[in-house]
Amino acid sequence: MKGSRDATIFLDRDGTLNPDPGYISSLDQFRFYTDAMDALDRLARGGFSFVIVTNQSGIGRGIIPLTAMESINDFISQSFDRRNIPLLGIYTCPHLPEEGCDCRKPGTGMFEQASADHHIVLGDSYLIGDSVRDIQAGKSLGVTTLLVRTGNGGESEASLSETGMEADFTGDSLVECAEFILAGKTHS
């Protein structure tokens, strides 16, 4: 498609980019995994752009103030900018699971909005996440799915195998996921 972007990597946030202690309600509680930015830097040098897609029902529950979410998103954006890692956007679903919105993963609304906003070809894209919901969303969209064992990834791996669904790749860290993606790009 003319004007479309090269492959994009959709990233879950909590448990994928950063430890997930529960509802992160202030910037003081947020920190990247030690190797996260190095892995993303390698992927960026490989020509990839990124979109963060994150369920944050703590907003809807009144646990996470909107100002805190904005501070965290600003910090993430600035961290990507400092490393020249192209972050196209951060898409957040603030809804409770029982609200049944289409943006909350495994719904695909955030991905579809990002695709429309940035001319992303979903079939050429990847998703890295640590939950069953991430993998389900990716499978629904036809993107290459990578499960990272950080966060809830170990538990999710077991749950996925019980359902007969599996990620296209499972890695112990973002570094392993980056290596898988970059190896595939050199062979295509």
N, C-alpha and C. Protein backbone atom coordinates (compact mmCIF):
# COMPACT_ATOMS: atom_id res chain seq x y z
N MET A 1 0.85 -1.17 0.00
CA MET A 1 0.00 0.00 0.00
C MET A 1 0.89 1.23 0.00
N LYS A 2 0.64 2.13 -0.93
CA LYS A 2 1.46 3.32 -1.03
C LYS A 2 1.28 4.18 0.22
N GLY A 3 2.36 4.67 0.75
CA GLY A 3 2.30 5.51 1.94
C GLY A 3 2.23 4.72 3.23
N SER A 4 2.25 3.38 3.13
CA SER A 4 2.19 2.60 4.37
C SER A 4 3.57 2.51 4.99
N ARG A 5 3.59 2.27 6.26
CA ARG A 5 4.80 2.23 7.05
C ARG A 5 5.41 0.84 7.01
N ASP A 6 6.72 0.77 7.11
CA ASP A 6 7.37 -0.53 7.24
C ASP A 6 6.85 -1.21 8.50
N ALA A 7 7.29 -2.42 8.72
CA ALA A 7 6.79 -3.23 9.83
C ALA A 7 6.83 -2.47 11.15
N THR A 8 5.77 -2.64 11.88
CA THR A 8 5.61 -2.01 13.18
C THR A 8 5.54 -3.10 14.23
N ILE A 9 6.06 -2.81 15.40
CA ILE A 9 5.97 -3.74 16.52
C ILE A 9 5.06 -3.12 17.57
N PHE A 10 3.95 -3.82 17.84
CA PHE A 10 3.05 -3.43 18.91
C PHE A 10 3.60 -4.02 20.21
N LEU A 11 3.67 -3.19 21.22
CA LEU A 11 4.21 -3.61 22.51
C LEU A 11 3.17 -3.47 23.60
N ASP A 12 2.98 -4.52 24.38
CA ASP A 12 2.25 -4.39 25.62
C ASP A 12 3.16 -3.60 26.56
N ARG A 13 2.60 -3.03 27.61
CA ARG A 13 3.44 -2.25 28.53
C ARG A 13 3.80 -3.07 29.78
N ASP A 14 2.90 -3.16 30.72
CA ASP A 14 3.21 -3.78 32.01
C ASP A 14 3.48 -5.27 31.87
N GLY A 15 4.65 -5.68 32.35
CA GLY A 15 5.07 -7.07 32.25
C GLY A 15 5.90 -7.34 31.00
N THR A 16 5.85 -6.43 30.04
CA THR A 16 6.61 -6.57 28.80
C THR A 16 7.76 -5.58 28.76
N LEU A 17 7.45 -4.30 28.92
CA LEU A 17 8.48 -3.25 28.95
C LEU A 17 8.98 -2.99 30.36
N ASN A 18 8.13 -3.22 31.33
CA ASN A 18 8.44 -2.88 32.72
C ASN A 18 7.84 -3.92 33.65
N PRO A 19 8.42 -4.07 34.84
CA PRO A 19 7.82 -4.97 35.83
C PRO A 19 6.39 -4.53 36.15
N ASP A 20 5.55 -5.50 36.46
CA ASP A 20 4.14 -5.25 36.72
C ASP A 20 3.81 -5.60 38.17
N PRO A 21 3.92 -4.62 39.08
CA PRO A 21 3.63 -4.90 40.49
C PRO A 21 2.14 -4.82 40.82
N GLY A 22 1.32 -4.56 39.83
CA GLY A 22 -0.10 -4.30 40.04
C GLY A 22 -0.40 -2.97 39.37
N TYR A 23 -1.36 -2.27 39.85
CA TYR A 23 -1.72 -0.99 39.24
C TYR A 23 -0.62 0.04 39.51
N ILE A 24 0.03 0.51 38.45
CA ILE A 24 1.09 1.50 38.58
C ILE A 24 0.41 2.87 38.56
N SER A 25 0.35 3.49 39.73
CA SER A 25 -0.45 4.71 39.87
C SER A 25 0.39 5.99 39.99
N SER A 26 1.71 5.86 39.82
CA SER A 26 2.57 7.05 39.82
C SER A 26 3.85 6.74 39.06
N LEU A 27 4.49 7.78 38.58
CA LEU A 27 5.74 7.62 37.85
C LEU A 27 6.81 6.99 38.74
N ASP A 28 6.76 7.24 40.04
CA ASP A 28 7.74 6.65 40.97
C ASP A 28 7.73 5.12 40.93
N GLN A 29 6.61 4.52 40.54
CA GLN A 29 6.48 3.07 40.52
C GLN A 29 6.89 2.45 39.18
N PHE A 30 7.17 3.29 38.20
CA PHE A 30 7.47 2.79 36.86
C PHE A 30 8.97 2.73 36.62
N ARG A 31 9.43 1.61 36.07
CA ARG A 31 10.81 1.50 35.60
C ARG A 31 10.85 0.45 34.49
N PHE A 32 11.69 0.68 33.49
CA PHE A 32 11.85 -0.28 32.40
C PHE A 32 12.64 -1.49 32.89
N TYR A 33 12.37 -2.65 32.29
CA TYR A 33 13.27 -3.78 32.51
C TYR A 33 14.66 -3.36 32.06
N THR A 34 15.68 -3.89 32.69
CA THR A 34 17.06 -3.49 32.44
C THR A 34 17.45 -3.55 30.97
N ASP A 35 17.02 -4.59 30.27
CA ASP A 35 17.44 -4.78 28.88
C ASP A 35 16.42 -4.27 27.86
N ALA A 36 15.31 -3.69 28.31
CA ALA A 36 14.22 -3.33 27.40
C ALA A 36 14.66 -2.31 26.35
N MET A 37 15.26 -1.22 26.77
CA MET A 37 15.60 -0.17 25.81
C MET A 37 16.69 -0.62 24.85
N ASP A 38 17.62 -1.44 25.31
CA ASP A 38 18.66 -1.96 24.41
C ASP A 38 18.03 -2.83 23.32
N ALA A 39 17.06 -3.67 23.71
CA ALA A 39 16.39 -4.53 22.74
C ALA A 39 15.61 -3.69 21.72
N LEU A 40 14.92 -2.67 22.21
CA LEU A 40 14.15 -1.81 21.31
C LEU A 40 15.07 -1.00 20.40
N ASP A 41 16.20 -0.59 20.93
CA ASP A 41 17.18 0.14 20.13
C ASP A 41 17.67 -0.73 18.97
N ARG A 42 17.93 -1.98 19.23
CA ARG A 42 18.37 -2.89 18.16
C ARG A 42 17.30 -3.04 17.09
N LEU A 43 16.04 -3.16 17.54
CA LEU A 43 14.94 -3.28 16.58
C LEU A 43 14.76 -2.00 15.78
N ALA A 44 14.90 -0.86 16.44
CA ALA A 44 14.79 0.43 15.74
C ALA A 44 15.86 0.55 14.67
N ARG A 45 17.08 0.13 15.00
CA ARG A 45 18.16 0.17 14.00
C ARG A 45 17.88 -0.79 12.85
N GLY A 46 17.04 -1.80 13.13
CA GLY A 46 16.63 -2.74 12.09
C GLY A 46 15.47 -2.22 11.24
N GLY A 47 15.02 -0.99 11.53
CA GLY A 47 14.00 -0.37 10.70
C GLY A 47 12.58 -0.42 11.24
N PHE A 48 12.41 -0.85 12.48
CA PHE A 48 11.08 -0.99 13.04
C PHE A 48 10.64 0.26 13.80
N SER A 49 9.34 0.50 13.78
CA SER A 49 8.69 1.52 14.60
C SER A 49 7.84 0.81 15.63
N PHE A 50 7.40 1.55 16.65
CA PHE A 50 6.69 0.93 17.76
C PHE A 50 5.40 1.65 18.10
N VAL A 51 4.46 0.87 18.59
CA VAL A 51 3.21 1.38 19.16
C VAL A 51 3.00 0.61 20.46
N ILE A 52 2.71 1.33 21.52
CA ILE A 52 2.39 0.68 22.80
C ILE A 52 0.87 0.60 22.91
N VAL A 53 0.37 -0.59 23.23
CA VAL A 53 -1.06 -0.83 23.44
C VAL A 53 -1.22 -1.44 24.82
N THR A 54 -1.95 -0.75 25.70
CA THR A 54 -1.98 -1.17 27.10
C THR A 54 -3.37 -1.06 27.71
N ASN A 55 -3.82 -2.16 28.32
CA ASN A 55 -5.04 -2.13 29.12
C ASN A 55 -4.69 -1.48 30.45
N GLN A 56 -5.46 -0.49 30.84
CA GLN A 56 -5.21 0.19 32.12
C GLN A 56 -6.54 0.41 32.84
N SER A 57 -7.16 -0.69 33.25
CA SER A 57 -8.46 -0.59 33.92
C SER A 57 -8.36 0.13 35.26
N GLY A 58 -7.15 0.30 35.77
CA GLY A 58 -6.97 1.06 37.02
C GLY A 58 -7.48 2.49 36.89
N ILE A 59 -7.50 3.02 35.66
CA ILE A 59 -8.05 4.36 35.44
C ILE A 59 -9.56 4.31 35.70
N GLY A 60 -10.22 3.36 35.07
CA GLY A 60 -11.66 3.20 35.24
C GLY A 60 -12.06 2.85 36.66
N ARG A 61 -11.17 2.19 37.38
CA ARG A 61 -11.44 1.80 38.77
C ARG A 61 -11.17 2.94 39.75
N GLY A 62 -10.57 4.04 39.24
CA GLY A 62 -10.24 5.15 40.12
C GLY A 62 -8.95 4.95 40.90
N ILE A 63 -8.15 3.95 40.53
CA ILE A 63 -6.89 3.65 41.21
C ILE A 63 -5.74 4.45 40.61
N ILE A 64 -5.80 4.66 39.30
CA ILE A 64 -4.74 5.37 38.59
C ILE A 64 -5.29 6.72 38.14
N PRO A 65 -4.78 7.82 38.69
CA PRO A 65 -5.22 9.14 38.22
C PRO A 65 -4.77 9.37 36.78
N LEU A 66 -5.61 10.03 36.00
CA LEU A 66 -5.27 10.33 34.61
C LEU A 66 -3.96 11.11 34.51
N THR A 67 -3.71 11.99 35.46
CA THR A 67 -2.47 12.77 35.44
C THR A 67 -1.25 11.86 35.61
N ALA A 68 -1.39 10.81 36.41
CA ALA A 68 -0.29 9.85 36.59
C ALA A 68 -0.04 9.09 35.29
N MET A 69 -1.11 8.66 34.63
CA MET A 69 -0.95 7.96 33.35
C MET A 69 -0.27 8.87 32.33
N GLU A 70 -0.66 10.13 32.30
CA GLU A 70 -0.03 11.07 31.37
C GLU A 70 1.44 11.26 31.69
N SER A 71 1.80 11.32 32.97
CA SER A 71 3.21 11.46 33.37
C SER A 71 4.02 10.23 32.95
N ILE A 72 3.45 9.06 33.14
CA ILE A 72 4.13 7.83 32.76
C ILE A 72 4.30 7.79 31.24
N ASN A 73 3.24 8.12 30.51
CA ASN A 73 3.33 8.13 29.04
C ASN A 73 4.36 9.14 28.55
N ASP A 74 4.41 10.32 29.18
CA ASP A 74 5.43 11.32 28.82
C ASP A 74 6.83 10.78 29.06
N PHE A 75 7.03 10.13 30.20
CA PHE A 75 8.33 9.56 30.53
C PHE A 75 8.73 8.50 29.49
N ILE A 76 7.79 7.64 29.13
CA ILE A 76 8.07 6.60 28.13
C ILE A 76 8.44 7.26 26.80
N SER A 77 7.63 8.22 26.37
CA SER A 77 7.90 8.91 25.09
C SER A 77 9.27 9.57 25.09
N GLN A 78 9.60 10.25 26.18
CA GLN A 78 10.91 10.90 26.28
C GLN A 78 12.05 9.89 26.27
N SER A 79 11.83 8.75 26.92
CA SER A 79 12.86 7.70 26.95
C SER A 79 13.10 7.16 25.54
N PHE A 80 12.05 6.96 24.77
CA PHE A 80 12.19 6.51 23.39
C PHE A 80 12.89 7.59 22.57
N ASP A 81 12.47 8.85 22.74
CA ASP A 81 13.06 9.96 21.99
C ASP A 81 14.56 10.08 22.24
N ARG A 82 14.97 9.96 23.50
CA ARG A 82 16.39 10.09 23.85
C ARG A 82 17.24 9.06 23.12
N ARG A 83 16.66 7.89 22.85
CA ARG A 83 17.40 6.82 22.18
C ARG A 83 17.13 6.78 20.68
N ASN A 84 16.36 7.76 20.17
CA ASN A 84 15.97 7.79 18.76
C ASN A 84 15.23 6.52 18.35
N ILE A 85 14.38 6.03 19.24
CA ILE A 85 13.55 4.86 18.97
C ILE A 85 12.18 5.39 18.55
N PRO A 86 11.74 5.10 17.32
CA PRO A 86 10.49 5.68 16.82
C PRO A 86 9.25 5.09 17.48
N LEU A 87 8.64 5.88 18.34
CA LEU A 87 7.39 5.51 19.00
C LEU A 87 6.27 6.28 18.33
N LEU A 88 5.40 5.56 17.64
CA LEU A 88 4.32 6.20 16.90
C LEU A 88 3.21 6.68 17.83
N GLY A 89 3.00 5.97 18.93
CA GLY A 89 1.95 6.37 19.84
C GLY A 89 1.80 5.39 20.99
N ILE A 90 1.09 5.85 22.01
CA ILE A 90 0.74 5.02 23.16
C ILE A 90 -0.78 5.01 23.22
N TYR A 91 -1.37 3.83 23.08
CA TYR A 91 -2.82 3.67 23.08
C TYR A 91 -3.21 2.96 24.37
N THR A 92 -4.13 3.58 25.09
CA THR A 92 -4.50 3.09 26.42
C THR A 92 -6.00 2.83 26.47
N CYS A 93 -6.37 1.66 26.97
CA CYS A 93 -7.78 1.37 27.23
C CYS A 93 -8.01 1.53 28.73
N PRO A 94 -8.83 2.52 29.14
CA PRO A 94 -9.08 2.76 30.55
C PRO A 94 -10.28 1.99 31.10
N HIS A 95 -10.92 1.19 30.25
CA HIS A 95 -12.21 0.58 30.62
C HIS A 95 -12.06 -0.66 31.50
N LEU A 96 -13.10 -0.92 32.24
CA LEU A 96 -13.18 -2.13 33.06
C LEU A 96 -13.53 -3.31 32.15
N PRO A 97 -13.10 -4.53 32.50
CA PRO A 97 -13.41 -5.69 31.66
C PRO A 97 -14.91 -5.85 31.38
N GLU A 98 -15.72 -5.58 32.39
CA GLU A 98 -17.17 -5.78 32.23
C GLU A 98 -17.84 -4.75 31.34
N GLU A 99 -17.13 -3.71 30.95
CA GLU A 99 -17.71 -2.70 30.07
C GLU A 99 -17.83 -3.20 28.63
N GLY A 100 -17.07 -4.23 28.28
CA GLY A 100 -17.19 -4.84 26.95
C GLY A 100 -16.80 -3.95 25.79
N CYS A 101 -15.86 -3.04 26.00
CA CYS A 101 -15.43 -2.17 24.91
C CYS A 101 -14.62 -2.97 23.89
N ASP A 102 -14.44 -2.41 22.71
CA ASP A 102 -13.66 -3.12 21.70
C ASP A 102 -12.17 -2.77 21.74
N CYS A 103 -11.81 -1.80 22.61
CA CYS A 103 -10.40 -1.44 22.67
C CYS A 103 -9.62 -2.28 23.69
N ARG A 104 -10.29 -2.81 24.68
CA ARG A 104 -9.60 -3.60 25.70
C ARG A 104 -9.15 -4.94 25.11
N LYS A 105 -7.85 -5.20 25.19
CA LYS A 105 -7.35 -6.48 24.69
C LYS A 105 -8.03 -7.61 25.47
N PRO A 106 -8.48 -8.67 24.83
CA PRO A 106 -8.13 -9.12 23.49
C PRO A 106 -8.89 -8.44 22.35
N GLY A 107 -9.69 -7.44 22.63
CA GLY A 107 -10.28 -6.65 21.56
C GLY A 107 -9.19 -6.00 20.73
N THR A 108 -9.53 -5.58 19.55
CA THR A 108 -8.50 -5.09 18.62
C THR A 108 -8.62 -3.60 18.33
N GLY A 109 -9.46 -2.89 19.06
CA GLY A 109 -9.71 -1.48 18.78
C GLY A 109 -8.48 -0.60 18.81
N MET A 110 -7.61 -0.79 19.81
CA MET A 110 -6.40 0.05 19.90
C MET A 110 -5.49 -0.18 18.70
N PHE A 111 -5.37 -1.43 18.29
CA PHE A 111 -4.52 -1.77 17.14
C PHE A 111 -5.09 -1.17 15.86
N GLU A 112 -6.40 -1.30 15.70
CA GLU A 112 -7.04 -0.79 14.49
C GLU A 112 -6.94 0.74 14.44
N GLN A 113 -7.08 1.40 15.59
CA GLN A 113 -6.94 2.86 15.62
C GLN A 113 -5.52 3.27 15.26
N ALA A 114 -4.54 2.58 15.84
CA ALA A 114 -3.13 2.88 15.52
C ALA A 114 -2.85 2.64 14.05
N SER A 115 -3.39 1.56 13.50
CA SER A 115 -3.19 1.24 12.10
C SER A 115 -3.75 2.35 11.22
N ALA A 116 -4.95 2.83 11.55
CA ALA A 116 -5.56 3.92 10.78
C ALA A 116 -4.78 5.22 10.95
N ASP A 117 -4.35 5.51 12.18
CA ASP A 117 -3.63 6.76 12.45
C ASP A 117 -2.27 6.82 11.76
N HIS A 118 -1.60 5.67 11.63
CA HIS A 118 -0.21 5.67 11.18
C HIS A 118 0.02 4.84 9.91
N HIS A 119 -1.05 4.43 9.24
CA HIS A 119 -0.94 3.67 7.99
C HIS A 119 -0.10 2.41 8.17
N ILE A 120 -0.41 1.67 9.23
CA ILE A 120 0.31 0.44 9.55
C ILE A 120 -0.33 -0.73 8.82
N VAL A 121 0.48 -1.54 8.18
CA VAL A 121 0.00 -2.77 7.56
C VAL A 121 0.08 -3.86 8.62
N LEU A 122 -1.09 -4.25 9.13
CA LEU A 122 -1.11 -5.20 10.25
C LEU A 122 -0.47 -6.53 9.90
N GLY A 123 -0.68 -7.02 8.69
CA GLY A 123 -0.11 -8.31 8.30
C GLY A 123 1.41 -8.34 8.28
N ASP A 124 2.04 -7.17 8.25
CA ASP A 124 3.49 -7.07 8.26
C ASP A 124 4.02 -6.74 9.65
N SER A 125 3.14 -6.73 10.63
CA SER A 125 3.51 -6.25 11.97
C SER A 125 3.68 -7.39 12.96
N TYR A 126 4.19 -7.03 14.13
CA TYR A 126 4.45 -7.96 15.23
C TYR A 126 3.78 -7.43 16.49
N LEU A 127 3.55 -8.35 17.42
CA LEU A 127 3.07 -7.96 18.74
C LEU A 127 3.91 -8.71 19.76
N ILE A 128 4.42 -7.98 20.75
CA ILE A 128 5.13 -8.60 21.86
C ILE A 128 4.35 -8.30 23.13
N GLY A 129 3.97 -9.35 23.86
CA GLY A 129 3.23 -9.18 25.10
C GLY A 129 3.46 -10.35 26.03
N ASP A 130 2.94 -10.19 27.25
CA ASP A 130 3.15 -11.21 28.28
C ASP A 130 1.85 -11.89 28.71
N SER A 131 0.74 -11.62 28.01
CA SER A 131 -0.53 -12.19 28.47
C SER A 131 -1.26 -12.94 27.35
N VAL A 132 -2.17 -13.79 27.76
CA VAL A 132 -3.03 -14.50 26.83
C VAL A 132 -3.80 -13.49 25.99
N ARG A 133 -4.29 -12.42 26.62
CA ARG A 133 -5.05 -11.38 25.90
C ARG A 133 -4.23 -10.77 24.76
N ASP A 134 -2.94 -10.56 25.00
CA ASP A 134 -2.08 -10.01 23.95
C ASP A 134 -2.03 -10.95 22.76
N ILE A 135 -1.79 -12.21 23.03
CA ILE A 135 -1.66 -13.20 21.95
C ILE A 135 -2.99 -13.37 21.21
N GLN A 136 -4.09 -13.39 21.96
CA GLN A 136 -5.41 -13.50 21.32
C GLN A 136 -5.66 -12.32 20.38
N ALA A 137 -5.34 -11.11 20.84
CA ALA A 137 -5.53 -9.93 19.99
C ALA A 137 -4.67 -10.03 18.74
N GLY A 138 -3.41 -10.42 18.91
CA GLY A 138 -2.52 -10.55 17.76
C GLY A 138 -3.00 -11.58 16.76
N LYS A 139 -3.48 -12.71 17.26
CA LYS A 139 -3.99 -13.76 16.37
C LYS A 139 -5.22 -13.25 15.61
N SER A 140 -6.09 -12.51 16.29
CA SER A 140 -7.28 -11.95 15.63
C SER A 140 -6.90 -11.01 14.50
N LEU A 141 -5.78 -10.32 14.66
CA LEU A 141 -5.35 -9.32 13.67
C LEU A 141 -4.46 -9.90 12.57
N GLY A 142 -3.95 -11.10 12.78
CA GLY A 142 -3.05 -11.70 11.80
C GLY A 142 -1.63 -11.18 11.87
N VAL A 143 -1.23 -10.63 13.03
CA VAL A 143 0.15 -10.19 13.21
C VAL A 143 0.97 -11.35 13.76
N THR A 144 2.28 -11.27 13.62
CA THR A 144 3.16 -12.26 14.21
C THR A 144 3.21 -12.01 15.72
N THR A 145 2.91 -13.04 16.50
CA THR A 145 2.79 -12.87 17.96
C THR A 145 4.01 -13.43 18.67
N LEU A 146 4.51 -12.64 19.64
CA LEU A 146 5.63 -13.07 20.46
C LEU A 146 5.23 -12.94 21.92
N LEU A 147 5.35 -14.04 22.65
CA LEU A 147 5.08 -14.05 24.08
C LEU A 147 6.41 -13.93 24.81
N VAL A 148 6.51 -12.96 25.69
CA VAL A 148 7.73 -12.81 26.49
C VAL A 148 7.43 -13.36 27.88
N ARG A 149 8.34 -14.13 28.42
CA ARG A 149 8.11 -14.80 29.71
C ARG A 149 8.26 -13.88 30.92
N THR A 150 8.58 -12.62 30.71
CA THR A 150 8.62 -11.68 31.83
C THR A 150 7.18 -11.40 32.26
N GLY A 151 6.99 -10.69 33.35
CA GLY A 151 5.63 -10.38 33.80
C GLY A 151 4.83 -11.65 34.02
N ASN A 152 3.68 -11.75 33.36
CA ASN A 152 2.81 -12.92 33.46
C ASN A 152 3.07 -13.94 32.36
N GLY A 153 4.15 -13.77 31.62
CA GLY A 153 4.42 -14.61 30.47
C GLY A 153 4.51 -16.09 30.75
N GLY A 154 5.12 -16.46 31.86
CA GLY A 154 5.24 -17.88 32.20
C GLY A 154 3.87 -18.51 32.43
N GLU A 155 3.04 -17.84 33.20
CA GLU A 155 1.68 -18.32 33.44
C GLU A 155 0.87 -18.33 32.15
N SER A 156 1.05 -17.30 31.35
CA SER A 156 0.31 -17.20 30.09
C SER A 156 0.70 -18.32 29.13
N GLU A 157 1.97 -18.68 29.13
CA GLU A 157 2.43 -19.77 28.26
C GLU A 157 1.69 -21.06 28.59
N ALA A 158 1.55 -21.35 29.89
CA ALA A 158 0.84 -22.55 30.31
C ALA A 158 -0.64 -22.46 29.94
N SER A 159 -1.24 -21.30 30.15
CA SER A 159 -2.67 -21.12 29.82
C SER A 159 -2.91 -21.26 28.32
N LEU A 160 -2.02 -20.70 27.52
CA LEU A 160 -2.16 -20.82 26.07
C LEU A 160 -2.10 -22.27 25.62
N SER A 161 -1.16 -23.03 26.18
CA SER A 161 -1.02 -24.42 25.75
C SER A 161 -2.26 -25.23 26.12
N GLU A 162 -2.93 -24.87 27.22
CA GLU A 162 -4.17 -25.55 27.60
C GLU A 162 -5.28 -25.30 26.59
N THR A 163 -5.27 -24.14 25.94
CA THR A 163 -6.32 -23.80 24.97
C THR A 163 -5.96 -24.25 23.56
N GLY A 164 -4.74 -24.70 23.37
CA GLY A 164 -4.30 -25.10 22.03
C GLY A 164 -3.80 -23.94 21.19
N MET A 165 -3.80 -22.74 21.76
CA MET A 165 -3.29 -21.57 21.06
C MET A 165 -1.83 -21.37 21.48
N GLU A 166 -1.01 -20.92 20.56
CA GLU A 166 0.36 -20.60 20.94
C GLU A 166 0.86 -19.40 20.18
N ALA A 167 1.79 -18.73 20.79
CA ALA A 167 2.44 -17.60 20.13
C ALA A 167 3.34 -18.12 19.03
N ASP A 168 3.64 -17.26 18.07
CA ASP A 168 4.55 -17.66 17.00
C ASP A 168 5.97 -17.85 17.52
N PHE A 169 6.28 -17.18 18.63
CA PHE A 169 7.60 -17.31 19.27
C PHE A 169 7.42 -16.98 20.75
N THR A 170 8.15 -17.68 21.59
CA THR A 170 8.17 -17.39 23.02
C THR A 170 9.62 -17.20 23.44
N GLY A 171 9.90 -16.08 24.11
CA GLY A 171 11.26 -15.78 24.54
C GLY A 171 11.30 -15.41 26.01
N ASP A 172 12.46 -15.57 26.60
CA ASP A 172 12.63 -15.25 28.02
C ASP A 172 12.70 -13.75 28.28
N SER A 173 13.01 -12.96 27.26
CA SER A 173 13.21 -11.51 27.45
C SER A 173 12.91 -10.78 26.15
N LEU A 174 12.86 -9.47 26.24
CA LEU A 174 12.70 -8.66 25.02
C LEU A 174 13.90 -8.84 24.09
N VAL A 175 15.07 -9.09 24.67
CA VAL A 175 16.26 -9.31 23.85
C VAL A 175 16.06 -10.54 22.96
N GLU A 176 15.56 -11.64 23.54
CA GLU A 176 15.33 -12.85 22.74
C GLU A 176 14.26 -12.60 21.68
N CYS A 177 13.23 -11.85 22.02
CA CYS A 177 12.19 -11.52 21.04
C CYS A 177 12.78 -10.68 19.91
N ALA A 178 13.62 -9.72 20.25
CA ALA A 178 14.27 -8.88 19.23
C ALA A 178 15.13 -9.73 18.31
N GLU A 179 15.88 -10.66 18.88
CA GLU A 179 16.74 -11.52 18.07
C GLU A 179 15.91 -12.34 17.09
N PHE A 180 14.76 -12.86 17.56
CA PHE A 180 13.88 -13.63 16.67
C PHE A 180 13.39 -12.76 15.52
N ILE A 181 12.91 -11.58 15.81
CA ILE A 181 12.39 -10.69 14.78
C ILE A 181 13.48 -10.30 13.78
N LEU A 182 14.64 -9.93 14.31
CA LEU A 182 15.74 -9.51 13.43
C LEU A 182 16.26 -10.67 12.58
N ALA A 183 16.28 -11.88 13.12
CA ALA A 183 16.71 -13.03 12.35
C ALA A 183 15.74 -13.29 11.20
N GLY A 184 14.45 -13.13 11.45
CA GLY A 184 13.45 -13.32 10.40
C GLY A 184 13.54 -12.26 9.32
N LYS A 185 13.87 -11.04 9.71
CA LYS A 185 13.98 -9.96 8.73
C LYS A 185 15.16 -10.18 7.80
N THR A 186 16.25 -10.73 8.32
CA THR A 186 17.42 -10.96 7.47
C THR A 186 17.21 -12.12 6.52
N HIS A 187 16.23 -12.99 6.83
CA HIS A 187 15.98 -14.16 5.97
C HIS A 187 14.84 -13.92 5.00
N SER A 188 14.20 -12.76 5.04
CA SER A 188 13.06 -12.56 4.16
C SER A 188 13.44 -11.85 2.88
